[in-house]
Amino acid sequence: MNLERINRRHILEIECAYRKKHDLFSRLVTFRNGIIYLEVMFGPKWRKNYRSTAFEIAHFWLRNHPEIKDAVGAKVYIIDARKNLYKRSAYFNGEPLEHDSKKGVLFTPFFVN
């Protein structure tokens, strides 16, 4: 699976409205063992809490990318640039950042291990 290609397509075709209107950015970090790993960064325009953000973005990725349609869950790493505005520029420069929150989302409500 080519993560760079998927992320590029996501930015160009799908996420434009979220970036402009809501100040929210996301990227696929990896997909393994049926779990998608996403990194989400949002700025001052984003008003939702961490839990609803993780749920919305994980389902958004699942619906819009056929490569990950078989995922059973997601791990969402959140970078909140509302608290520290320097994180926004560091995120785009590829600098390593500490995540403000980590949330898990299950796509199938009756999935039992």
C-alpha atoms as a PDB file:
ATOM      1  CA  MET A   1       0.000   0.000   0.000  1.00  0.00           C
ATOM      2  CA  ASN A   2       1.417   3.352  -1.053  1.00  0.00           C
ATOM      3  CA  LEU A   3       0.673   5.713   1.859  1.00  0.00           C
ATOM      4  CA  GLU A   4       2.142   8.747   0.130  1.00  0.00           C
ATOM      5  CA  ARG A   5      -0.175   8.304  -2.859  1.00  0.00           C
ATOM      6  CA  ILE A   6      -3.232   7.797  -0.654  1.00  0.00           C
ATOM      7  CA  ASN A   7      -2.424  10.875   1.448  1.00  0.00           C
ATOM      8  CA  ARG A   8      -1.819  12.982  -1.671  1.00  0.00           C
ATOM      9  CA  ARG A   9      -5.133  11.904  -3.211  1.00  0.00           C
ATOM     10  CA  HIS A  10      -6.877  12.583   0.095  1.00  0.00           C
ATOM     11  CA  ILE A  11      -5.551  16.132   0.234  1.00  0.00           C
ATOM     12  CA  LEU A  12      -6.311  16.992  -3.385  1.00  0.00           C
ATOM     13  CA  GLU A  13      -9.690  15.313  -3.874  1.00  0.00           C
ATOM     14  CA  ILE A  14     -11.362  14.975  -0.501  1.00  0.00           C
ATOM     15  CA  GLU A  15     -10.028  17.135   2.291  1.00  0.00           C
ATOM     16  CA  CYS A  16     -10.007  20.579   0.664  1.00  0.00           C
ATOM     17  CA  ALA A  17     -13.256  21.693   2.351  1.00  0.00           C
ATOM     18  CA  TYR A  18     -12.087  20.570   5.789  1.00  0.00           C
ATOM     19  CA  ARG A  19      -8.807  22.404   5.377  1.00  0.00           C
ATOM     20  CA  LYS A  20     -10.284  25.702   4.251  1.00  0.00           C
ATOM     21  CA  LYS A  21     -13.501  25.880   6.234  1.00  0.00           C
ATOM     22  CA  HIS A  22     -12.642  24.022   9.434  1.00  0.00           C
ATOM     23  CA  ASP A  23      -8.845  24.317   9.710  1.00  0.00           C
ATOM     24  CA  LEU A  24      -8.455  20.538  10.010  1.00  0.00           C
ATOM     25  CA  PHE A  25      -5.716  18.391   8.461  1.00  0.00           C
ATOM     26  CA  SER A  26      -5.340  14.613   8.520  1.00  0.00           C
ATOM     27  CA  ARG A  27      -3.053  11.947   7.127  1.00  0.00           C
ATOM     28  CA  LEU A  28      -2.824   8.184   7.110  1.00  0.00           C
ATOM     29  CA  VAL A  29       0.219   7.052   9.072  1.00  0.00           C
ATOM     30  CA  THR A  30      -0.131   3.297   8.512  1.00  0.00           C
ATOM     31  CA  PHE A  31      -2.630   0.478   8.040  1.00  0.00           C
ATOM     32  CA  ARG A  32      -1.868  -2.858   9.678  1.00  0.00           C
ATOM     33  CA  ASN A  33      -3.801  -5.732  11.244  1.00  0.00           C
ATOM     34  CA  GLY A  34      -7.119  -4.159  10.233  1.00  0.00           C
ATOM     35  CA  ILE A  35      -6.422  -0.904  12.087  1.00  0.00           C
ATOM     36  CA  ILE A  36      -5.872   2.447  10.389  1.00  0.00           C
ATOM     37  CA  TYR A  37      -3.558   4.879  12.145  1.00  0.00           C
ATOM     38  CA  LEU A  38      -4.383   8.515  11.488  1.00  0.00           C
ATOM     39  CA  GLU A  39      -2.776  11.764  12.533  1.00  0.00           C
ATOM     40  CA  VAL A  40      -5.082  14.772  12.828  1.00  0.00           C
ATOM     41  CA  MET A  41      -4.086  18.382  13.394  1.00  0.00           C
ATOM     42  CA  PHE A  42      -6.584  21.188  13.845  1.00  0.00           C
ATOM     43  CA  GLY A  43      -6.433  24.894  14.465  1.00  0.00           C
ATOM     44  CA  PRO A  44      -8.565  27.638  16.025  1.00  0.00           C
ATOM     45  CA  LYS A  45     -11.555  27.246  13.672  1.00  0.00           C
ATOM     46  CA  TRP A  46     -12.212  23.641  14.738  1.00  0.00           C
ATOM     47  CA  ARG A  47     -14.815  23.528  17.524  1.00  0.00           C
ATOM     48  CA  LYS A  48     -15.339  19.813  18.234  1.00  0.00           C
ATOM     49  CA  ASN A  49     -13.822  17.872  21.119  1.00  0.00           C
ATOM     50  CA  TYR A  50     -11.241  15.104  20.725  1.00  0.00           C
ATOM     51  CA  ARG A  51     -13.701  12.197  20.900  1.00  0.00           C
ATOM     52  CA  SER A  52     -16.081  13.490  18.233  1.00  0.00           C
ATOM     53  CA  THR A  53     -13.138  14.557  16.051  1.00  0.00           C
ATOM     54  CA  ALA A  54     -11.634  11.063  16.174  1.00  0.00           C
ATOM     55  CA  PHE A  55     -14.984   9.434  15.350  1.00  0.00           C
ATOM     56  CA  GLU A  56     -15.759  11.802  12.463  1.00  0.00           C
ATOM     57  CA  ILE A  57     -12.337  11.681  10.824  1.00  0.00           C
ATOM     58  CA  ALA A  58     -11.934   7.897  11.169  1.00  0.00           C
ATOM     59  CA  HIS A  59     -15.296   7.284   9.495  1.00  0.00           C
ATOM     60  CA  PHE A  60     -14.513   9.945   6.901  1.00  0.00           C
ATOM     61  CA  TRP A  61     -11.334   8.095   5.892  1.00  0.00           C
ATOM     62  CA  LEU A  62     -13.089   4.718   5.875  1.00  0.00           C
ATOM     63  CA  ARG A  63     -15.896   5.941   3.588  1.00  0.00           C
ATOM     64  CA  ASN A  64     -13.624   7.692   1.102  1.00  0.00           C
ATOM     65  CA  HIS A  65     -10.746   5.249   0.589  1.00  0.00           C
ATOM     66  CA  PRO A  66     -11.363   1.788  -0.896  1.00  0.00           C
ATOM     67  CA  GLU A  67      -7.852   0.658   0.096  1.00  0.00           C
ATOM     68  CA  ILE A  68      -8.847   0.627   3.766  1.00  0.00           C
ATOM     69  CA  LYS A  69     -12.486  -0.471   3.431  1.00  0.00           C
ATOM     70  CA  ASP A  70     -11.832  -3.669   5.410  1.00  0.00           C
ATOM     71  CA  ALA A  71     -10.584  -1.853   8.514  1.00  0.00           C
ATOM     72  CA  VAL A  72     -12.208  -2.835  11.806  1.00  0.00           C
ATOM     73  CA  GLY A  73     -10.964   0.174  13.752  1.00  0.00           C
ATOM     74  CA  ALA A  74      -8.798   3.260  13.878  1.00  0.00           C
ATOM     75  CA  LYS A  75      -6.250   4.799  16.188  1.00  0.00           C
ATOM     76  CA  VAL A  76      -6.347   8.589  15.901  1.00  0.00           C
ATOM     77  CA  TYR A  77      -3.462  10.740  17.110  1.00  0.00           C
ATOM     78  CA  ILE A  78      -4.583  14.327  17.682  1.00  0.00           C
ATOM     79  CA  ILE A  79      -2.407  17.434  17.520  1.00  0.00           C
ATOM     80  CA  ASP A  80      -4.298  20.433  18.876  1.00  0.00           C
ATOM     81  CA  ALA A  81      -2.842  23.635  17.398  1.00  0.00           C
ATOM     82  CA  ARG A  82      -5.512  25.673  19.227  1.00  0.00           C
ATOM     83  CA  LYS A  83      -3.388  25.419  22.358  1.00  0.00           C
ATOM     84  CA  ASN A  84       0.019  25.949  20.742  1.00  0.00           C
ATOM     85  CA  LEU A  85       0.045  27.710  17.379  1.00  0.00           C
ATOM     86  CA  TYR A  86       3.695  26.779  16.741  1.00  0.00           C
ATOM     87  CA  LYS A  87       2.528  23.177  16.219  1.00  0.00           C
ATOM     88  CA  ARG A  88       0.907  24.117  12.920  1.00  0.00           C
ATOM     89  CA  SER A  89       4.168  25.175  11.275  1.00  0.00           C
ATOM     90  CA  ALA A  90       6.060  22.285  12.852  1.00  0.00           C
ATOM     91  CA  TYR A  91       3.455  19.838  11.491  1.00  0.00           C
ATOM     92  CA  PHE A  92       3.923  21.091   7.923  1.00  0.00           C
ATOM     93  CA  ASN A  93       7.714  21.133   8.250  1.00  0.00           C
ATOM     94  CA  GLY A  94       7.655  17.439   9.167  1.00  0.00           C
ATOM     95  CA  GLU A  95       9.056  18.013  12.638  1.00  0.00           C
ATOM     96  CA  PRO A  96       8.163  15.392  15.253  1.00  0.00           C
ATOM     97  CA  LEU A  97       5.405  16.561  17.571  1.00  0.00           C
ATOM     98  CA  GLU A  98       3.962  15.264  20.794  1.00  0.00           C
ATOM     99  CA  HIS A  99       0.320  14.265  20.402  1.00  0.00           C
ATOM    100  CA  ASP A 100      -2.233  15.987  22.614  1.00  0.00           C
ATOM    101  CA  SER A 101      -4.543  12.977  22.623  1.00  0.00           C
ATOM    102  CA  LYS A 102      -4.884   9.424  21.310  1.00  0.00           C
ATOM    103  CA  LYS A 103      -8.328   7.991  20.606  1.00  0.00           C
ATOM    104  CA  GLY A 104      -9.542   4.622  19.384  1.00  0.00           C
ATOM    105  CA  VAL A 105     -12.578   4.007  17.170  1.00  0.00           C
ATOM    106  CA  LEU A 106     -14.219   0.674  16.329  1.00  0.00           C
ATOM    107  CA  PHE A 107     -16.102   0.570  13.026  1.00  0.00           C
ATOM    108  CA  THR A 108     -18.139  -2.539  13.747  1.00  0.00           C
ATOM    109  CA  PRO A 109     -20.207  -2.058  16.903  1.00  0.00           C
ATOM    110  CA  PHE A 110     -20.440  -5.758  17.776  1.00  0.00           C
ATOM    111  CA  PHE A 111     -16.814  -6.708  17.129  1.00  0.00           C
ATOM    112  CA  VAL A 112     -15.473  -8.901  19.929  1.00  0.00           C
ATOM    113  CA  ASN A 113     -11.906 -10.139  20.150  1.00  0.00           C
END
